[in-house]
């Protein structure tokens, strides 16, 4: 089943917040999941099993940087993003 995930990562008491956030985004991409990065959250689309596997890996990796808050919202009712091939 395809699912959509909206995820926000908040690194706490860390000098560099960009590296943990970028690392989490790269994990989702490495798992072959569609990602749309926003200013406050990232949307991730894919098969349920792959999304949950990537989320687990991403959370574990984020905690290696220090304390974090991770907020995740799942939906099986959100449409997958449309792809337009503009030539």
PDB file of N, CA and C in Angstrom:
ATOM      1  N   UNK A   1       0.848  -1.180   0.000  1.00  0.00           N
ATOM      2  CA  UNK A   1       0.000   0.000   0.000  1.00  0.00           C
ATOM      3  C   UNK A   1       0.890   1.239   0.000  1.00  0.00           C
ATOM      4  N   UNK A   2       0.542   2.208  -0.804  1.00  0.00           N
ATOM      5  CA  UNK A   2       1.272   3.479  -0.856  1.00  0.00           C
ATOM      6  C   UNK A   2       0.835   4.368   0.300  1.00  0.00           C
ATOM      7  N   UNK A   3       1.796   5.045   0.897  1.00  0.00           N
ATOM      8  CA  UNK A   3       1.505   5.972   1.984  1.00  0.00           C
ATOM      9  C   UNK A   3       2.249   7.279   1.758  1.00  0.00           C
ATOM     10  N   UNK A   4       1.741   8.302   2.399  1.00  0.00           N
ATOM     11  CA  UNK A   4       2.408   9.601   2.427  1.00  0.00           C
ATOM     12  C   UNK A   4       2.822   9.868   3.873  1.00  0.00           C
ATOM     13  N   UNK A   5       3.970  10.465   4.033  1.00  0.00           N
ATOM     14  CA  UNK A   5       4.504  10.805   5.351  1.00  0.00           C
ATOM     15  C   UNK A   5       4.899  12.267   5.331  1.00  0.00           C
ATOM     16  N   UNK A   6       4.443  13.009   6.324  1.00  0.00           N
ATOM     17  CA  UNK A   6       4.938  14.371   6.530  1.00  0.00           C
ATOM     18  C   UNK A   6       5.796  14.312   7.770  1.00  0.00           C
ATOM     19  N   UNK A   7       7.060  14.704   7.636  1.00  0.00           N
ATOM     20  CA  UNK A   7       8.002  14.580   8.740  1.00  0.00           C
ATOM     21  C   UNK A   7       8.676  15.921   9.009  1.00  0.00           C
ATOM     22  N   UNK A   8       8.809  16.222  10.296  1.00  0.00           N
ATOM     23  CA  UNK A   8       9.552  17.402  10.737  1.00  0.00           C
ATOM     24  C   UNK A   8      10.540  16.949  11.797  1.00  0.00           C
ATOM     25  N   UNK A   9      11.788  17.336  11.637  1.00  0.00           N
ATOM     26  CA  UNK A   9      12.837  17.003  12.590  1.00  0.00           C
ATOM     27  C   UNK A   9      13.312  18.286  13.243  1.00  0.00           C
ATOM     28  N   UNK A  10      13.346  18.282  14.574  1.00  0.00           N
ATOM     29  CA  UNK A  10      13.800  19.444  15.332  1.00  0.00           C
ATOM     30  C   UNK A  10      14.993  19.041  16.191  1.00  0.00           C
ATOM     31  N   UNK A  11      16.218  19.316  15.738  1.00  0.00           N
ATOM     32  CA  UNK A  11      17.396  19.050  16.562  1.00  0.00           C
ATOM     33  C   UNK A  11      17.413  20.011  17.758  1.00  0.00           C
ATOM     34  N   UNK A  12      17.639  19.465  18.937  1.00  0.00           N
ATOM     35  CA  UNK A  12      17.638  20.267  20.160  1.00  0.00           C
ATOM     36  C   UNK A  12      19.057  20.465  20.680  1.00  0.00           C
ATOM     37  N   UNK A  13      19.334  21.675  21.158  1.00  0.00           N
ATOM     38  CA  UNK A  13      20.616  21.995  21.794  1.00  0.00           C
ATOM     39  C   UNK A  13      21.812  21.541  20.955  1.00  0.00           C
ATOM     40  N   UNK A  14      21.739  21.802  19.641  1.00  0.00           N
ATOM     41  CA  UNK A  14      22.825  21.438  18.738  1.00  0.00           C
ATOM     42  C   UNK A  14      23.300  22.695  18.019  1.00  0.00           C
ATOM     43  N   UNK A  15      24.590  22.794  17.847  1.00  0.00           N
ATOM     44  CA  UNK A  15      25.164  23.950  17.163  1.00  0.00           C
ATOM     45  C   UNK A  15      24.809  23.944  15.676  1.00  0.00           C
ATOM     46  N   UNK A  16      24.786  22.757  15.071  1.00  0.00           N
ATOM     47  CA  UNK A  16      24.489  22.632  13.646  1.00  0.00           C
ATOM     48  C   UNK A  16      23.192  21.841  13.493  1.00  0.00           C
ATOM     49  N   UNK A  17      22.139  22.499  13.054  1.00  0.00           N
ATOM     50  CA  UNK A  17      20.873  21.793  12.851  1.00  0.00           C
ATOM     51  C   UNK A  17      20.690  21.349  11.397  1.00  0.00           C
ATOM     52  N   UNK A  18      21.481  21.899  10.499  1.00  0.00           N
ATOM     53  CA  UNK A  18      21.334  21.587   9.073  1.00  0.00           C
ATOM     54  C   UNK A  18      21.791  20.159   8.771  1.00  0.00           C
ATOM     55  N   UNK A  19      22.913  19.743   9.321  1.00  0.00           N
ATOM     56  CA  UNK A  19      23.450  18.415   9.011  1.00  0.00           C
ATOM     57  C   UNK A  19      22.503  17.281   9.399  1.00  0.00           C
ATOM     58  N   UNK A  20      21.916  17.284  10.607  1.00  0.00           N
ATOM     59  CA  UNK A  20      20.978  16.197  10.923  1.00  0.00           C
ATOM     60  C   UNK A  20      19.756  16.183  10.008  1.00  0.00           C
ATOM     61  N   UNK A  21      19.236  17.351   9.685  1.00  0.00           N
ATOM     62  CA  UNK A  21      18.054  17.428   8.817  1.00  0.00           C
ATOM     63  C   UNK A  21      18.393  16.919   7.419  1.00  0.00           C
ATOM     64  N   UNK A  22      19.506  17.377   6.857  1.00  0.00           N
ATOM     65  CA  UNK A  22      19.906  16.919   5.520  1.00  0.00           C
ATOM     66  C   UNK A  22      20.199  15.419   5.497  1.00  0.00           C
ATOM     67  N   UNK A  23      20.761  14.906   6.570  1.00  0.00           N
ATOM     68  CA  UNK A  23      21.052  13.477   6.652  1.00  0.00           C
ATOM     69  C   UNK A  23      19.769  12.660   6.607  1.00  0.00           C
ATOM     70  N   UNK A  24      18.750  13.100   7.334  1.00  0.00           N
ATOM     71  CA  UNK A  24      17.459  12.404   7.339  1.00  0.00           C
ATOM     72  C   UNK A  24      16.835  12.427   5.944  1.00  0.00           C
ATOM     73  N   UNK A  25      16.870  13.564   5.287  1.00  0.00           N
ATOM     74  CA  UNK A  25      16.312  13.675   3.936  1.00  0.00           C
ATOM     75  C   UNK A  25      17.036  12.731   2.978  1.00  0.00           C
ATOM     76  N   UNK A  26      18.349  12.669   3.076  1.00  0.00           N
ATOM     77  CA  UNK A  26      19.131  11.794   2.204  1.00  0.00           C
ATOM     78  C   UNK A  26      18.808  10.323   2.440  1.00  0.00           C
ATOM     79  N   UNK A  27      18.498   9.948   3.659  1.00  0.00           N
ATOM     80  CA  UNK A  27      18.128   8.553   3.944  1.00  0.00           C
ATOM     81  C   UNK A  27      16.861   8.186   3.184  1.00  0.00           C
ATOM     82  N   UNK A  28      15.866   9.068   3.195  1.00  0.00           N
ATOM     83  CA  UNK A  28      14.632   8.790   2.454  1.00  0.00           C
ATOM     84  C   UNK A  28      14.917   8.676   0.954  1.00  0.00           C
ATOM     85  N   UNK A  29      15.743   9.548   0.434  1.00  0.00           N
ATOM     86  CA  UNK A  29      16.077   9.496  -0.987  1.00  0.00           C
ATOM     87  C   UNK A  29      16.841   8.224  -1.323  1.00  0.00           C
ATOM     88  N   UNK A  30      17.763   7.824  -0.462  1.00  0.00           N
ATOM     89  CA  UNK A  30      18.553   6.615  -0.686  1.00  0.00           C
ATOM     90  C   UNK A  30      17.670   5.367  -0.730  1.00  0.00           C
ATOM     91  N   UNK A  31      16.558   5.408  -0.013  1.00  0.00           N
ATOM     92  CA  UNK A  31      15.606   4.292  -0.030  1.00  0.00           C
ATOM     93  C   UNK A  31      14.707   4.340  -1.265  1.00  0.00           C
ATOM     94  N   UNK A  32      14.945   5.299  -2.148  1.00  0.00           N
ATOM     95  CA  UNK A  32      14.187   5.393  -3.386  1.00  0.00           C
ATOM     96  C   UNK A  32      12.802   5.984  -3.227  1.00  0.00           C
ATOM     97  N   UNK A  33      12.592   6.762  -2.163  1.00  0.00           N
ATOM     98  CA  UNK A  33      11.284   7.354  -1.891  1.00  0.00           C
ATOM     99  C   UNK A  33      11.192   8.755  -2.487  1.00  0.00           C
ATOM    100  N   UNK A  34      10.031   9.079  -2.979  1.00  0.00           N
ATOM    101  CA  UNK A  34       9.745  10.422  -3.490  1.00  0.00           C
ATOM    102  C   UNK A  34       9.759  11.391  -2.310  1.00  0.00           C
ATOM    103  N   UNK A  35      10.512  12.486  -2.406  1.00  0.00           N
ATOM    104  CA  UNK A  35      10.562  13.474  -1.327  1.00  0.00           C
ATOM    105  C   UNK A  35      10.312  14.867  -1.880  1.00  0.00           C
ATOM    106  N   UNK A  36       9.599  15.655  -1.096  1.00  0.00           N
ATOM    107  CA  UNK A  36       9.382  17.070  -1.396  1.00  0.00           C
ATOM    108  C   UNK A  36       9.755  17.850  -0.144  1.00  0.00           C
ATOM    109  N   UNK A  37      10.875  18.534  -0.209  1.00  0.00           N
ATOM    110  CA  UNK A  37      11.388  19.264   0.947  1.00  0.00           C
ATOM    111  C   UNK A  37      10.734  20.633   1.019  1.00  0.00           C
ATOM    112  N   UNK A  38      10.198  20.956   2.194  1.00  0.00           N
ATOM    113  CA  UNK A  38       9.608  22.261   2.440  1.00  0.00           C
ATOM    114  C   UNK A  38      10.404  23.007   3.493  1.00  0.00           C
ATOM    115  N   UNK A  39       9.946  24.182   3.844  1.00  0.00           N
ATOM    116  CA  UNK A  39      10.684  24.996   4.813  1.00  0.00           C
ATOM    117  C   UNK A  39      10.550  24.478   6.249  1.00  0.00           C
ATOM    118  N   UNK A  40       9.457  23.791   6.561  1.00  0.00           N
ATOM    119  CA  UNK A  40       9.248  23.300   7.930  1.00  0.00           C
ATOM    120  C   UNK A  40       9.051  21.788   8.009  1.00  0.00           C
ATOM    121  N   UNK A  41       8.832  21.140   6.875  1.00  0.00           N
ATOM    122  CA  UNK A  41       8.637  19.693   6.883  1.00  0.00           C
ATOM    123  C   UNK A  41       8.967  19.132   5.508  1.00  0.00           C
ATOM    124  N   UNK A  42       9.073  17.824   5.468  1.00  0.00           N
ATOM    125  CA  UNK A  42       9.339  17.118   4.224  1.00  0.00           C
ATOM    126  C   UNK A  42       8.232  16.109   3.999  1.00  0.00           C
ATOM    127  N   UNK A  43       7.743  16.035   2.765  1.00  0.00           N
ATOM    128  CA  UNK A  43       6.756  15.037   2.391  1.00  0.00           C
ATOM    129  C   UNK A  43       7.482  13.872   1.741  1.00  0.00           C
ATOM    130  N   UNK A  44       7.109  12.670   2.148  1.00  0.00           N
ATOM    131  CA  UNK A  44       7.728  11.453   1.637  1.00  0.00           C
ATOM    132  C   UNK A  44       6.614  10.540   1.143  1.00  0.00           C
ATOM    133  N   UNK A  45       6.800   9.962  -0.044  1.00  0.00           N
ATOM    134  CA  UNK A  45       5.796   9.077  -0.623  1.00  0.00           C
ATOM    135  C   UNK A  45       6.446   7.756  -1.008  1.00  0.00           C
ATOM    136  N   UNK A  46       5.707   6.667  -0.786  1.00  0.00           N
ATOM    137  CA  UNK A  46       6.221   5.370  -1.216  1.00  0.00           C
ATOM    138  C   UNK A  46       5.430   4.238  -0.624  1.00  0.00           C
ATOM    139  N   UNK A  47       5.937   3.039  -0.854  1.00  0.00           N
ATOM    140  CA  UNK A  47       5.299   1.855  -0.301  1.00  0.00           C
ATOM    141  C   UNK A  47       5.496   1.830   1.214  1.00  0.00           C
ATOM    142  N   UNK A  48       4.450   1.450   1.906  1.00  0.00           N
ATOM    143  CA  UNK A  48       4.409   1.500   3.371  1.00  0.00           C
ATOM    144  C   UNK A  48       5.650   0.884   4.021  1.00  0.00           C
ATOM    145  N   UNK A  49       6.018  -0.296   3.608  1.00  0.00           N
ATOM    146  CA  UNK A  49       7.148  -0.988   4.230  1.00  0.00           C
ATOM    147  C   UNK A  49       8.441  -0.193   4.062  1.00  0.00           C
ATOM    148  N   UNK A  50       8.666   0.350   2.869  1.00  0.00           N
ATOM    149  CA  UNK A  50       9.880   1.129   2.610  1.00  0.00           C
ATOM    150  C   UNK A  50       9.890   2.430   3.413  1.00  0.00           C
ATOM    151  N   UNK A  51       8.729   3.067   3.534  1.00  0.00           N
ATOM    152  CA  UNK A  51       8.643   4.324   4.274  1.00  0.00           C
ATOM    153  C   UNK A  51       8.961   4.088   5.754  1.00  0.00           C
ATOM    154  N   UNK A  52       8.363   3.042   6.341  1.00  0.00           N
ATOM    155  CA  UNK A  52       8.609   2.770   7.761  1.00  0.00           C
ATOM    156  C   UNK A  52      10.062   2.352   8.000  1.00  0.00           C
ATOM    157  N   UNK A  53      10.621   1.579   7.090  1.00  0.00           N
ATOM    158  CA  UNK A  53      12.021   1.167   7.215  1.00  0.00           C
ATOM    159  C   UNK A  53      12.944   2.389   7.170  1.00  0.00           C
ATOM    160  N   UNK A  54      12.696   3.276   6.231  1.00  0.00           N
ATOM    161  CA  UNK A  54      13.507   4.487   6.106  1.00  0.00           C
ATOM    162  C   UNK A  54      13.332   5.396   7.318  1.00  0.00           C
ATOM    163  N   UNK A  55      12.103   5.505   7.814  1.00  0.00           N
ATOM    164  CA  UNK A  55      11.853   6.350   8.987  1.00  0.00           C
ATOM    165  C   UNK A  55      12.620   5.841  10.199  1.00  0.00           C
ATOM    166  N   UNK A  56      12.620   4.542  10.400  1.00  0.00           N
ATOM    167  CA  UNK A  56      13.362   3.967  11.527  1.00  0.00           C
ATOM    168  C   UNK A  56      14.848   4.272  11.411  1.00  0.00           C
ATOM    169  N   UNK A  57      15.400   4.068  10.229  1.00  0.00           N
ATOM    170  CA  UNK A  57      16.816   4.367  10.012  1.00  0.00           C
ATOM    171  C   UNK A  57      17.098   5.852  10.215  1.00  0.00           C
ATOM    172  N   UNK A  58      16.221   6.695   9.689  1.00  0.00           N
ATOM    173  CA  UNK A  58      16.409   8.148   9.790  1.00  0.00           C
ATOM    174  C   UNK A  58      16.390   8.607  11.249  1.00  0.00           C
ATOM    175  N   UNK A  59      15.460   8.082  12.026  1.00  0.00           N
ATOM    176  CA  UNK A  59      15.381   8.481  13.436  1.00  0.00           C
ATOM    177  C   UNK A  59      16.645   8.053  14.189  1.00  0.00           C
ATOM    178  N   UNK A  60      17.061   6.823  13.970  1.00  0.00           N
ATOM    179  CA  UNK A  60      18.267   6.336  14.650  1.00  0.00           C
ATOM    180  C   UNK A  60      19.480   7.195  14.287  1.00  0.00           C
ATOM    181  N   UNK A  61      19.595   7.537  13.011  1.00  0.00           N
ATOM    182  CA  UNK A  61      20.734   8.352  12.572  1.00  0.00           C
ATOM    183  C   UNK A  61      20.646   9.766  13.157  1.00  0.00           C
ATOM    184  N   UNK A  62      19.444  10.336  13.197  1.00  0.00           N
ATOM    185  CA  UNK A  62      19.269  11.692  13.742  1.00  0.00           C
ATOM    186  C   UNK A  62      19.687  11.749  15.208  1.00  0.00           C
ATOM    187  N   UNK A  63      19.400  10.694  15.961  1.00  0.00           N
ATOM    188  CA  UNK A  63      19.747  10.694  17.385  1.00  0.00           C
ATOM    189  C   UNK A  63      21.252  10.613  17.618  1.00  0.00           C
ATOM    190  N   UNK A  64      21.999  10.192  16.604  1.00  0.00           N
ATOM    191  CA  UNK A  64      23.455  10.169  16.736  1.00  0.00           C
ATOM    192  C   UNK A  64      24.041  11.575  16.801  1.00  0.00           C
ATOM    193  N   UNK A  65      23.298  12.562  16.303  1.00  0.00           N
ATOM    194  CA  UNK A  65      23.745  13.956  16.358  1.00  0.00           C
ATOM    195  C   UNK A  65      23.461  14.590  17.715  1.00  0.00           C
ATOM    196  N   UNK A  66      22.520  14.018  18.467  1.00  0.00           N
ATOM    197  CA  UNK A  66      22.128  14.571  19.759  1.00  0.00           C
ATOM    198  C   UNK A  66      20.628  14.431  19.961  1.00  0.00           C
ATOM    199  N   UNK A  67      20.110  15.243  20.855  1.00  0.00           N
ATOM    200  CA  UNK A  67      18.681  15.179  21.168  1.00  0.00           C
ATOM    201  C   UNK A  67      17.857  15.747  20.014  1.00  0.00           C
ATOM    202  N   UNK A  68      16.728  15.094  19.733  1.00  0.00           N
ATOM    203  CA  UNK A  68      15.858  15.534  18.644  1.00  0.00           C
ATOM    204  C   UNK A  68      14.398  15.324  19.018  1.00  0.00           C
ATOM    205  N   UNK A  69      13.544  16.063  18.346  1.00  0.00           N
ATOM    206  CA  UNK A  69      12.107  15.802  18.327  1.00  0.00           C
ATOM    207  C   UNK A  69      11.771  15.514  16.869  1.00  0.00           C
ATOM    208  N   UNK A  70      11.063  14.418  16.646  1.00  0.00           N
ATOM    209  CA  UNK A  70      10.648  14.061  15.298  1.00  0.00           C
ATOM    210  C   UNK A  70       9.128  13.931  15.297  1.00  0.00           C
ATOM    211  N   UNK A  71       8.482  14.681  14.413  1.00  0.00           N
ATOM    212  CA  UNK A  71       7.028  14.647  14.291  1.00  0.00           C
ATOM    213  C   UNK A  71       6.707  14.014  12.943  1.00  0.00           C
ATOM    214  N   UNK A  72       5.864  12.968  12.958  1.00  0.00           N
ATOM    215  CA  UNK A  72       5.526  12.267  11.719  1.00  0.00           C
ATOM    216  C   UNK A  72       4.018  12.077  11.619  1.00  0.00           C
ATOM    217  N   UNK A  73       3.480  12.365  10.446  1.00  0.00           N
ATOM    218  CA  UNK A  73       2.066  12.161  10.161  1.00  0.00           C
ATOM    219  C   UNK A  73       1.963  11.274   8.931  1.00  0.00           C
ATOM    220  N   UNK A  74       1.218  10.178   9.053  1.00  0.00           N
ATOM    221  CA  UNK A  74       1.049   9.228   7.956  1.00  0.00           C
ATOM    222  C   UNK A  74      -0.354   9.306   7.391  1.00  0.00           C
ATOM    223  N   UNK A  75      -0.472   9.008   6.096  1.00  0.00           N
ATOM    224  CA  UNK A  75      -1.780   8.934   5.453  1.00  0.00           C
ATOM    225  C   UNK A  75      -1.739   7.918   4.319  1.00  0.00           C
ATOM    226  N   UNK A  76      -2.798   7.135   4.220  1.00  0.00           N
ATOM    227  CA  UNK A  76      -2.949   6.270   3.056  1.00  0.00           C
ATOM    228  C   UNK A  76      -4.005   6.850   2.115  1.00  0.00           C
ATOM    229  N   UNK A  77      -4.408   8.098   2.376  1.00  0.00           N
ATOM    230  CA  UNK A  77      -5.449   8.745   1.581  1.00  0.00           C
ATOM    231  C   UNK A  77      -4.934   9.920   0.754  1.00  0.00           C
ATOM    232  N   UNK A  78      -3.662  10.251   0.892  1.00  0.00           N
ATOM    233  CA  UNK A  78      -3.100  11.370   0.126  1.00  0.00           C
ATOM    234  C   UNK A  78      -2.660  10.877  -1.248  1.00  0.00           C
ATOM    235  N   UNK A  79      -2.987  11.611  -2.267  1.00  0.00           N
ATOM    236  CA  UNK A  79      -2.554  11.189  -3.605  1.00  0.00           C
ATOM    237  C   UNK A  79      -1.044  11.361  -3.769  1.00  0.00           C
ATOM    238  N   UNK A  80      -0.472  10.495  -4.564  1.00  0.00           N
ATOM    239  CA  UNK A  80       0.936  10.613  -4.892  1.00  0.00           C
ATOM    240  C   UNK A  80       1.121  11.873  -5.729  1.00  0.00           C
ATOM    241  N   UNK A  81       2.276  12.527  -5.633  1.00  0.00           N
ATOM    242  CA  UNK A  81       2.487  13.758  -6.418  1.00  0.00           C
ATOM    243  C   UNK A  81       2.508  13.438  -7.912  1.00  0.00           C
ATOM    244  N   UNK A  82       2.012  14.363  -8.677  1.00  0.00           N
ATOM    245  CA  UNK A  82       2.010  14.208 -10.132  1.00  0.00           C
ATOM    246  C   UNK A  82       3.385  14.569 -10.669  1.00  0.00           C
ATOM    247  N   UNK A  83       3.812  13.853 -11.657  1.00  0.00           N
ATOM    248  CA  UNK A  83       5.080  14.133 -12.330  1.00  0.00           C
ATOM    249  C   UNK A  83       4.772  14.660 -13.720  1.00  0.00           C
ATOM    250  N   UNK A  84       5.340  15.794 -14.051  1.00  0.00           N
ATOM    251  CA  UNK A  84       5.161  16.363 -15.375  1.00  0.00           C
ATOM    252  C   UNK A  84       6.509  16.371 -16.067  1.00  0.00           C
ATOM    253  N   UNK A  85       6.541  15.862 -17.248  1.00  0.00           N
ATOM    254  CA  UNK A  85       7.757  15.861 -18.039  1.00  0.00           C
ATOM    255  C   UNK A  85       7.668  17.028 -19.008  1.00  0.00           C
ATOM    256  N   UNK A  86       8.297  18.137 -18.656  1.00  0.00           N
ATOM    257  CA  UNK A  86       8.254  19.341 -19.480  1.00  0.00           C
ATOM    258  C   UNK A  86       9.485  19.341 -20.384  1.00  0.00           C
ATOM    259  N   UNK A  87       9.238  19.436 -21.657  1.00  0.00           N
ATOM    260  CA  UNK A  87      10.352  19.419 -22.619  1.00  0.00           C
ATOM    261  C   UNK A  87      10.415  20.706 -23.369  1.00  0.00           C
TER     262      UNK A  87
END
